[in-house]
């Protein structure tokens, strides 16, 4: 049997003052005919990434408006998650891909989890490639099956996408962050292909309003001098997040602003065995620089600490070289922080270059934009104001909930 994730409560009414009455009223209108529907979300892990953060909010909100919503996590072993990490990278364009033995293991673990799926569900939402085979093995358990892709498939390695496309096409609907993530052969206008960007929870511990004094107090506990400029990147330790490039950019900044500090804050997820290796690589590249703080959940850095670092930062980075969407960008924008991010994936949806932040293509560009912001506090405030308003309108949880309800309605009609 799959493992059910224990969840807290969320109340839609608590978000009205943030997103407006029109949005919450539309959600309640959509929810009325769906009340009592059994909805199951399935993912690979319950912590350590954007998918789990979204589900910790969206599933309780679905319950609050009357759906019988649940979230289950698949079982897997280390060899399986090694294979799915390789699959994740190859789907984002890496040349390496799974061996035939790894594909066989992938199919076996998916079948095992499908056999462990219990209950009858009106709607089953399967998140990302790791559990994509559930539909084939447990089709009778759900009336409507949806596959939700959280990664960038705009330029995949041809071999793995050819293997996955038949599985995707078995689903009643698929959901993508952006139109150009939909693989060739699956058209956005075709029935079942839906574009729904992700969102953050503005009331979660990671994103709730924090006083400057509280943020400064927490950052001091990790050796940050709050009187000096702070640049922060919050990300998994992953080659696609380019932590090495972040350090290169920071070193160029310190040539002109030697008092600047860098915080690199990440987390280790159970489905990301590569993370520890890349954490070590990043640590070694920092070369014991006392002004580069490399922190993770292994240092007791959780949601509150991430909030503090983002809120305290003079510049927030997300220097990705590939990115599904980049919820850490949304988090920084929501906190009103000037943000410099890679011009890739879903990041340009969030940042209008020069208005709500800066988009960059290299460590040198990243360093230059950081220097401009650090040298002009008025510019930083202007970018922060524009970014926060854009995040409020487009990338908060109630909008995502509304989009899910609209999709459920179309499937149930």
Protein backbone atom coordinates (compact mmCIF):
# COMPACT_ATOMS: atom_id res chain seq x y z
CA UNK A 1 0.00 0.00 0.00
CA UNK A 2 1.21 3.53 -0.78
CA UNK A 3 1.98 5.79 2.16
CA UNK A 4 -0.55 8.52 2.99
CA UNK A 5 0.91 11.93 3.86
CA UNK A 6 -0.43 13.49 7.06
CA UNK A 7 -1.68 17.03 6.42
CA UNK A 8 -2.72 20.08 8.40
CA UNK A 9 -5.64 22.36 7.70
CA UNK A 10 -6.00 25.31 5.34
CA UNK A 11 -8.98 27.66 5.06
CA UNK A 12 -9.70 29.39 1.78
CA UNK A 13 -11.23 32.35 3.65
CA UNK A 14 -7.80 33.19 5.08
CA UNK A 15 -6.55 34.08 1.58
CA UNK A 16 -9.33 36.50 0.61
CA UNK A 17 -7.48 39.60 1.84
CA UNK A 18 -4.50 38.65 -0.34
CA UNK A 19 -6.04 37.50 -3.64
CA UNK A 20 -9.40 39.25 -3.48
CA UNK A 21 -13.03 38.21 -3.02
CA UNK A 22 -13.63 37.60 -6.73
CA UNK A 23 -11.09 34.77 -6.83
CA UNK A 24 -12.33 33.00 -3.69
CA UNK A 25 -15.97 33.31 -4.76
CA UNK A 26 -15.15 31.76 -8.14
CA UNK A 27 -13.43 28.86 -6.36
CA UNK A 28 -16.49 28.18 -4.19
CA UNK A 29 -18.75 28.34 -7.24
CA UNK A 30 -16.62 25.75 -9.06
CA UNK A 31 -16.37 23.54 -5.96
CA UNK A 32 -20.09 23.26 -5.30
CA UNK A 33 -20.88 20.54 -7.90
CA UNK A 34 -17.62 18.72 -7.07
CA UNK A 35 -18.25 18.32 -3.34
CA UNK A 36 -17.59 14.79 -2.10
CA UNK A 37 -15.49 13.79 -5.12
CA UNK A 38 -12.57 11.54 -4.14
CA UNK A 39 -9.31 13.08 -5.34
CA UNK A 40 -5.89 11.42 -4.97
CA UNK A 41 -2.52 13.07 -5.59
CA UNK A 42 0.47 10.70 -5.97
CA UNK A 43 4.11 11.84 -5.86
CA UNK A 44 7.58 10.41 -5.29
CA UNK A 45 8.43 12.20 -2.04
CA UNK A 46 6.78 14.16 0.75
CA UNK A 47 9.60 16.65 1.29
CA UNK A 48 12.50 18.46 -0.31
CA UNK A 49 11.07 19.97 -3.49
CA UNK A 50 8.49 22.22 -5.08
CA UNK A 51 5.97 19.43 -5.73
CA UNK A 52 5.68 18.51 -2.06
CA UNK A 53 5.45 22.16 -1.01
CA UNK A 54 2.55 22.70 -3.40
CA UNK A 55 0.71 19.60 -2.22
CA UNK A 56 1.03 20.46 1.48
CA UNK A 57 -1.19 23.45 0.69
CA UNK A 58 -3.37 22.47 -2.26
CA UNK A 59 -4.65 19.17 -0.81
CA UNK A 60 -5.89 20.76 2.47
CA UNK A 61 -7.47 23.59 0.46
CA UNK A 62 -9.29 21.00 -1.66
CA UNK A 63 -10.59 19.45 1.55
CA UNK A 64 -11.69 22.84 2.87
CA UNK A 65 -13.95 23.42 -0.14
CA UNK A 66 -15.58 19.98 0.12
CA UNK A 67 -13.49 17.52 -1.88
CA UNK A 68 -12.39 14.23 -0.30
CA UNK A 69 -8.74 14.86 -1.19
CA UNK A 70 -5.70 12.75 -0.25
CA UNK A 71 -1.98 12.57 -1.02
CA UNK A 72 -0.01 9.31 -1.26
CA UNK A 73 3.72 8.76 -1.76
CA UNK A 74 5.10 5.81 -3.71
CA UNK A 75 7.56 3.27 -2.36
CA UNK A 76 10.94 2.90 -4.02
CA UNK A 77 14.47 1.77 -3.31
CA UNK A 78 17.77 3.56 -3.84
CA UNK A 79 18.38 1.98 -7.25
CA UNK A 80 14.98 3.19 -8.42
CA UNK A 81 15.57 6.78 -7.33
CA UNK A 82 19.05 6.70 -8.89
CA UNK A 83 17.37 5.70 -12.15
CA UNK A 84 14.62 8.32 -11.88
CA UNK A 85 17.15 11.08 -11.14
CA UNK A 86 18.97 10.05 -14.32
CA UNK A 87 15.61 10.06 -16.10
CA UNK A 88 14.84 13.55 -14.76
CA UNK A 89 18.16 14.86 -16.08
CA UNK A 90 17.83 13.18 -19.46
CA UNK A 91 14.29 14.54 -19.90
CA UNK A 92 15.78 18.00 -19.39
CA UNK A 93 18.36 17.34 -22.11
CA UNK A 94 21.28 15.49 -20.53
CA UNK A 95 22.87 13.00 -22.98
CA UNK A 96 22.97 10.09 -20.49
CA UNK A 97 19.86 7.98 -20.13
CA UNK A 98 18.62 4.80 -18.51
CA UNK A 99 19.99 1.38 -19.36
CA UNK A 100 17.58 -1.39 -20.29
CA UNK A 101 18.08 -2.86 -16.80
CA UNK A 102 17.14 0.48 -15.23
CA UNK A 103 14.02 0.73 -17.39
CA UNK A 104 13.08 -2.75 -16.26
CA UNK A 105 13.49 -1.68 -12.61
CA UNK A 106 11.44 1.47 -13.34
CA UNK A 107 8.59 -0.63 -14.73
CA UNK A 108 8.78 -3.13 -11.85
CA UNK A 109 8.59 -0.46 -9.13
CA UNK A 110 5.74 1.30 -10.91
CA UNK A 111 3.83 -1.97 -11.19
CA UNK A 112 4.47 -2.75 -7.52
CA UNK A 113 3.08 0.66 -6.52
CA UNK A 114 0.11 0.26 -8.87
CA UNK A 115 -0.74 -3.02 -7.19
CA UNK A 116 -0.53 -1.24 -3.83
CA UNK A 117 -2.94 1.53 -4.82
CA UNK A 118 -6.15 1.01 -2.87
CA UNK A 119 -9.59 2.58 -2.97
CA UNK A 120 -11.77 3.97 -5.73
CA UNK A 121 -11.09 7.52 -6.85
CA UNK A 122 -12.93 10.00 -9.03
CA UNK A 123 -9.71 11.79 -9.98
CA UNK A 124 -6.10 10.58 -9.66
CA UNK A 125 -3.32 13.14 -10.25
CA UNK A 126 0.12 11.57 -10.75
CA UNK A 127 3.02 14.01 -10.35
CA UNK A 128 6.16 13.76 -12.50
CA UNK A 129 7.88 10.79 -14.18
CA UNK A 130 8.72 8.63 -11.16
CA UNK A 131 5.17 7.19 -10.71
CA UNK A 132 3.97 7.68 -14.30
CA UNK A 133 3.31 3.94 -14.75
CA UNK A 134 0.54 3.88 -12.12
CA UNK A 135 -2.19 4.52 -14.66
CA UNK A 136 -1.26 1.46 -16.70
CA UNK A 137 -1.16 -0.81 -13.67
CA UNK A 138 -4.14 0.54 -11.71
CA UNK A 139 -6.51 2.02 -14.27
CA UNK A 140 -9.60 0.58 -12.58
CA UNK A 141 -8.80 2.45 -9.34
CA UNK A 142 -9.60 5.85 -10.89
CA UNK A 143 -12.34 7.22 -13.16
CA UNK A 144 -10.17 10.08 -14.46
CA UNK A 145 -6.37 10.06 -14.55
CA UNK A 146 -4.24 13.22 -14.86
CA UNK A 147 -0.46 13.35 -15.30
CA UNK A 148 1.12 16.54 -13.92
CA UNK A 149 4.60 17.36 -15.29
CA UNK A 150 6.73 19.73 -13.21
CA UNK A 151 9.89 19.66 -15.36
CA UNK A 152 11.03 21.25 -18.60
CA UNK A 153 10.51 18.85 -21.53
CA UNK A 154 11.17 21.44 -24.24
CA UNK A 155 14.42 19.78 -25.36
CA UNK A 156 14.50 16.21 -24.01
CA UNK A 157 16.90 13.43 -24.80
CA UNK A 158 14.94 11.56 -27.55
CA UNK A 159 15.27 8.06 -26.05
CA UNK A 160 13.48 8.57 -22.70
CA UNK A 161 10.70 10.76 -24.06
CA UNK A 162 9.97 8.13 -26.71
CA UNK A 163 9.66 5.60 -23.89
CA UNK A 164 7.36 7.84 -21.81
CA UNK A 165 5.05 9.26 -24.47
CA UNK A 166 2.88 6.11 -24.72
CA UNK A 167 2.43 6.21 -20.93
CA UNK A 168 1.51 9.92 -20.97
CA UNK A 169 -1.02 9.40 -23.74
CA UNK A 170 -2.88 6.80 -21.66
CA UNK A 171 -3.92 9.55 -19.23
CA UNK A 172 -7.22 11.39 -19.67
CA UNK A 173 -5.42 14.71 -19.26
CA UNK A 174 -1.91 16.07 -18.84
CA UNK A 175 -0.86 19.33 -17.18
CA UNK A 176 2.22 21.40 -18.03
CA UNK A 177 3.76 24.63 -16.74
CA UNK A 178 4.15 26.19 -20.20
CA UNK A 179 3.10 25.43 -23.80
CA UNK A 180 6.66 24.85 -24.99
CA UNK A 181 7.13 22.09 -22.39
CA UNK A 182 4.59 19.90 -24.18
CA UNK A 183 6.59 17.30 -26.17
CA UNK A 184 6.39 17.15 -29.94
CA UNK A 185 3.42 15.04 -30.91
CA UNK A 186 1.27 16.40 -28.09
CA UNK A 187 -0.37 19.67 -29.11
CA UNK A 188 -1.57 22.21 -26.54
CA UNK A 189 -4.88 22.55 -28.37
CA UNK A 190 -5.50 18.82 -28.32
CA UNK A 191 -8.04 17.47 -25.87
CA UNK A 192 -6.46 16.65 -22.56
CA UNK A 193 -3.39 18.93 -22.78
CA UNK A 194 -3.61 21.72 -20.19
CA UNK A 195 -1.31 24.61 -19.23
CA UNK A 196 -1.35 25.42 -15.50
CA UNK A 197 1.65 27.16 -13.88
CA UNK A 198 2.42 26.25 -10.25
CA UNK A 199 2.07 28.55 -7.25
CA UNK A 200 3.27 29.23 -3.71
CA UNK A 201 1.34 29.46 -0.46
CA UNK A 202 1.63 33.05 0.85
CA UNK A 203 0.56 31.92 4.34
CA UNK A 204 3.01 29.03 4.74
CA UNK A 205 5.93 29.38 7.17
CA UNK A 206 8.25 29.82 4.18
CA UNK A 207 6.29 32.74 2.72
CA UNK A 208 4.38 34.44 5.55
CA UNK A 209 5.22 38.02 6.47
CA UNK A 210 8.38 38.24 8.56
CA UNK A 211 9.57 41.26 10.51
CA UNK A 212 13.06 42.55 9.57
CA UNK A 213 14.12 42.04 13.19
CA UNK A 214 13.10 38.36 13.20
CA UNK A 215 14.75 37.72 9.82
CA UNK A 216 17.98 39.36 11.00
CA UNK A 217 17.96 37.37 14.25
CA UNK A 218 17.68 34.05 12.42
CA UNK A 219 20.35 34.92 9.85
CA UNK A 220 22.77 35.85 12.64
CA UNK A 221 22.43 32.30 14.00
CA UNK A 222 24.11 31.05 10.83
CA UNK A 223 27.00 33.51 10.90
CA UNK A 224 25.54 36.23 8.67
CA UNK A 225 26.61 39.80 9.41
CA UNK A 226 23.30 41.60 8.87
CA UNK A 227 25.06 44.95 8.50
CA UNK A 228 26.73 43.77 5.29
CA UNK A 229 25.17 43.03 1.85
CA UNK A 230 23.72 39.54 1.49
CA UNK A 231 23.16 37.61 -1.75
CA UNK A 232 21.19 34.35 -1.44
CA UNK A 233 20.27 31.43 -3.68
CA UNK A 234 17.72 28.91 -2.38
CA UNK A 235 17.81 25.68 -4.42
CA UNK A 236 18.49 22.00 -4.42
CA UNK A 237 22.16 21.23 -4.89
CA UNK A 238 21.84 20.23 -8.51
CA UNK A 239 23.91 20.94 -11.65
CA UNK A 240 20.86 22.53 -13.33
CA UNK A 241 20.73 25.16 -10.53
CA UNK A 242 24.36 26.06 -11.34
CA UNK A 243 25.72 26.53 -7.80
CA UNK A 244 29.25 26.69 -9.25
CA UNK A 245 28.16 29.58 -11.48
CA UNK A 246 26.61 31.29 -8.45
CA UNK A 247 29.95 31.21 -6.65
CA UNK A 248 31.70 32.52 -9.78
CA UNK A 249 29.23 35.42 -9.98
CA UNK A 250 29.63 36.17 -6.28
CA UNK A 251 33.42 36.26 -6.59
CA UNK A 252 33.09 38.82 -9.39
CA UNK A 253 30.79 40.91 -7.16
CA UNK A 254 33.34 40.89 -4.32
CA UNK A 255 35.98 42.37 -6.63
CA UNK A 256 34.02 45.63 -6.33
CA UNK A 257 32.06 45.03 -3.10
CA UNK A 258 34.40 42.92 -0.95
CA UNK A 259 32.06 43.07 2.07
CA UNK A 260 29.30 41.13 0.26
CA UNK A 261 28.25 37.72 1.61
CA UNK A 262 26.73 34.71 -0.15
CA UNK A 263 24.26 32.21 1.31
CA UNK A 264 23.47 29.04 -0.62
CA UNK A 265 20.50 27.36 1.01
CA UNK A 266 19.16 24.02 -0.15
CA UNK A 267 17.55 20.79 0.95
CA UNK A 268 18.20 17.12 0.46
CA UNK A 269 15.21 15.22 -0.95
CA UNK A 270 14.69 11.48 -0.62
CA UNK A 271 14.28 11.10 -4.41
CA UNK A 272 17.51 13.01 -5.21
CA UNK A 273 20.56 10.85 -4.43
CA UNK A 274 22.70 13.17 -6.58
CA UNK A 275 22.08 16.01 -4.12
CA UNK A 276 24.66 15.02 -1.51
CA UNK A 277 27.33 14.60 -4.16
CA UNK A 278 26.66 18.04 -5.61
CA UNK A 279 26.48 19.58 -2.14
CA UNK A 280 30.01 18.29 -1.56
CA UNK A 281 31.17 19.59 -4.93
CA UNK A 282 29.75 23.03 -4.15
CA UNK A 283 31.32 23.02 -0.68
CA UNK A 284 34.74 22.20 -2.12
CA UNK A 285 34.42 24.90 -4.80
CA UNK A 286 33.71 27.51 -2.10
CA UNK A 287 37.20 26.70 -0.80
CA UNK A 288 36.46 27.49 2.86
CA UNK A 289 35.56 31.12 2.11
CA UNK A 290 34.09 32.31 5.45
CA UNK A 291 31.67 34.63 3.62
CA UNK A 292 30.09 31.78 1.62
CA UNK A 293 27.55 29.97 3.79
CA UNK A 294 26.44 26.60 2.32
CA UNK A 295 23.45 25.39 4.30
CA UNK A 296 20.78 22.70 4.08
CA UNK A 297 18.18 20.87 6.12
CA UNK A 298 21.15 18.93 7.52
CA UNK A 299 22.09 22.21 9.28
CA UNK A 300 18.54 22.54 10.65
CA UNK A 301 17.58 24.93 7.88
CA UNK A 302 13.84 24.60 7.31
CA UNK A 303 11.02 26.74 5.97
CA UNK A 304 11.34 29.50 8.58
CA UNK A 305 15.08 29.80 7.98
CA UNK A 306 14.59 29.96 4.20
CA UNK A 307 12.04 32.73 4.74
CA UNK A 308 14.51 34.63 6.90
CA UNK A 309 17.35 34.37 4.38
CA UNK A 310 15.15 35.45 1.48
CA UNK A 311 13.60 38.30 3.48
CA UNK A 312 16.98 39.55 4.71
CA UNK A 313 18.73 39.39 1.33
CA UNK A 314 19.70 42.44 -0.69
CA UNK A 315 19.61 40.28 -3.84
CA UNK A 316 18.08 36.83 -4.37
CA UNK A 317 19.49 34.63 -7.14
CA UNK A 318 18.11 31.68 -9.07
CA UNK A 319 20.88 31.17 -11.59
CA UNK A 320 19.41 28.05 -13.16
CA UNK A 321 20.59 26.78 -16.52
CA UNK A 322 17.47 24.57 -16.85
CA UNK A 323 14.36 25.08 -14.78
CA UNK A 324 10.87 23.60 -14.75
CA UNK A 325 9.37 26.73 -13.22
CA UNK A 326 11.41 28.02 -10.30
CA UNK A 327 9.13 28.43 -7.28
CA UNK A 328 12.05 29.92 -5.34
CA UNK A 329 11.81 32.85 -7.76
CA UNK A 330 8.14 33.25 -6.86
CA UNK A 331 9.05 33.12 -3.16
CA UNK A 332 11.61 35.90 -3.52
CA UNK A 333 9.27 38.05 -5.60
CA UNK A 334 6.47 37.61 -3.07
CA UNK A 335 8.82 38.90 -0.35
CA UNK A 336 9.52 42.00 -2.44
CA UNK A 337 13.21 41.16 -2.93
CA UNK A 338 15.08 42.19 -6.09
CA UNK A 339 15.69 38.95 -7.98
CA UNK A 340 18.29 37.96 -10.58
CA UNK A 341 17.58 34.66 -12.32
CA UNK A 342 18.49 32.49 -15.29
CA UNK A 343 16.68 33.26 -18.53
CA UNK A 344 15.36 29.70 -18.78
CA UNK A 345 12.27 27.55 -18.29
CA UNK A 346 9.39 29.12 -16.39
CA UNK A 347 11.46 31.96 -14.94
CA UNK A 348 10.64 34.47 -17.74
CA UNK A 349 6.94 33.95 -16.92
CA UNK A 350 7.70 35.45 -13.53
CA UNK A 351 10.28 38.12 -14.30
CA UNK A 352 9.91 40.85 -16.89
CA UNK A 353 13.54 41.77 -17.44
CA UNK A 354 14.38 45.15 -15.97
CA UNK A 355 10.89 45.66 -14.49
CA UNK A 356 10.20 42.90 -11.93
CA UNK A 357 13.76 41.57 -11.77
CA UNK A 358 16.61 40.66 -14.11
CA UNK A 359 17.12 37.69 -16.44
CA UNK A 360 20.72 36.60 -17.06
CA UNK A 361 22.59 34.09 -19.20
CA UNK A 362 26.01 33.89 -17.56
CA UNK A 363 27.86 34.37 -14.26
CA UNK A 364 29.28 37.65 -15.59
CA UNK A 365 25.77 39.01 -16.37
CA UNK A 366 24.58 37.81 -12.99
CA UNK A 367 27.42 39.62 -11.22
CA UNK A 368 26.77 42.84 -13.16
CA UNK A 369 23.07 42.89 -12.25
CA UNK A 370 23.89 42.21 -8.60
CA UNK A 371 26.32 45.12 -8.62
CA UNK A 372 23.67 47.42 -10.13
CA UNK A 373 21.14 46.49 -7.44
CA UNK A 374 23.62 46.71 -4.57
CA UNK A 375 24.74 50.11 -5.84
CA UNK A 376 21.23 51.56 -6.16
CA UNK A 377 18.80 50.81 -3.27
CA UNK A 378 16.01 52.65 -5.11
CA UNK A 379 16.34 50.26 -8.05
CA UNK A 380 16.10 47.28 -5.71
CA UNK A 381 12.93 48.61 -4.11
CA UNK A 382 11.31 49.29 -7.50
CA UNK A 383 12.09 45.79 -8.79
CA UNK A 384 10.81 44.30 -5.53
CA UNK A 385 7.48 46.16 -5.67
CA UNK A 386 6.79 45.11 -9.27
CA UNK A 387 7.78 41.51 -8.61
CA UNK A 388 5.57 41.19 -5.53
CA UNK A 389 2.48 42.46 -7.34
CA UNK A 390 3.07 40.14 -10.29
CA UNK A 391 3.42 37.17 -7.92
CA UNK A 392 0.22 38.19 -6.10
CA UNK A 393 -1.80 38.27 -9.31
CA UNK A 394 -0.47 35.12 -10.96
CA UNK A 395 1.37 32.68 -8.71
CA UNK A 396 -0.42 32.19 -5.38
CA UNK A 397 -2.23 29.02 -4.24
CA UNK A 398 -5.86 30.15 -4.74
CA UNK A 399 -5.24 30.72 -8.45
CA UNK A 400 -3.77 27.21 -8.73
CA UNK A 401 -6.75 25.76 -6.85
CA UNK A 402 -9.14 27.52 -9.23
CA UNK A 403 -7.30 26.09 -12.24
CA UNK A 404 -7.47 22.55 -10.82
CA UNK A 405 -11.20 22.89 -10.21
CA UNK A 406 -11.76 24.08 -13.78
CA UNK A 407 -9.92 21.01 -15.07
CA UNK A 408 -11.85 18.67 -12.77
CA UNK A 409 -15.11 20.24 -13.97
CA UNK A 410 -14.20 19.66 -17.61
CA UNK A 411 -13.37 16.00 -16.93
CA UNK A 412 -16.52 15.38 -14.88
CA UNK A 413 -18.88 17.04 -17.38
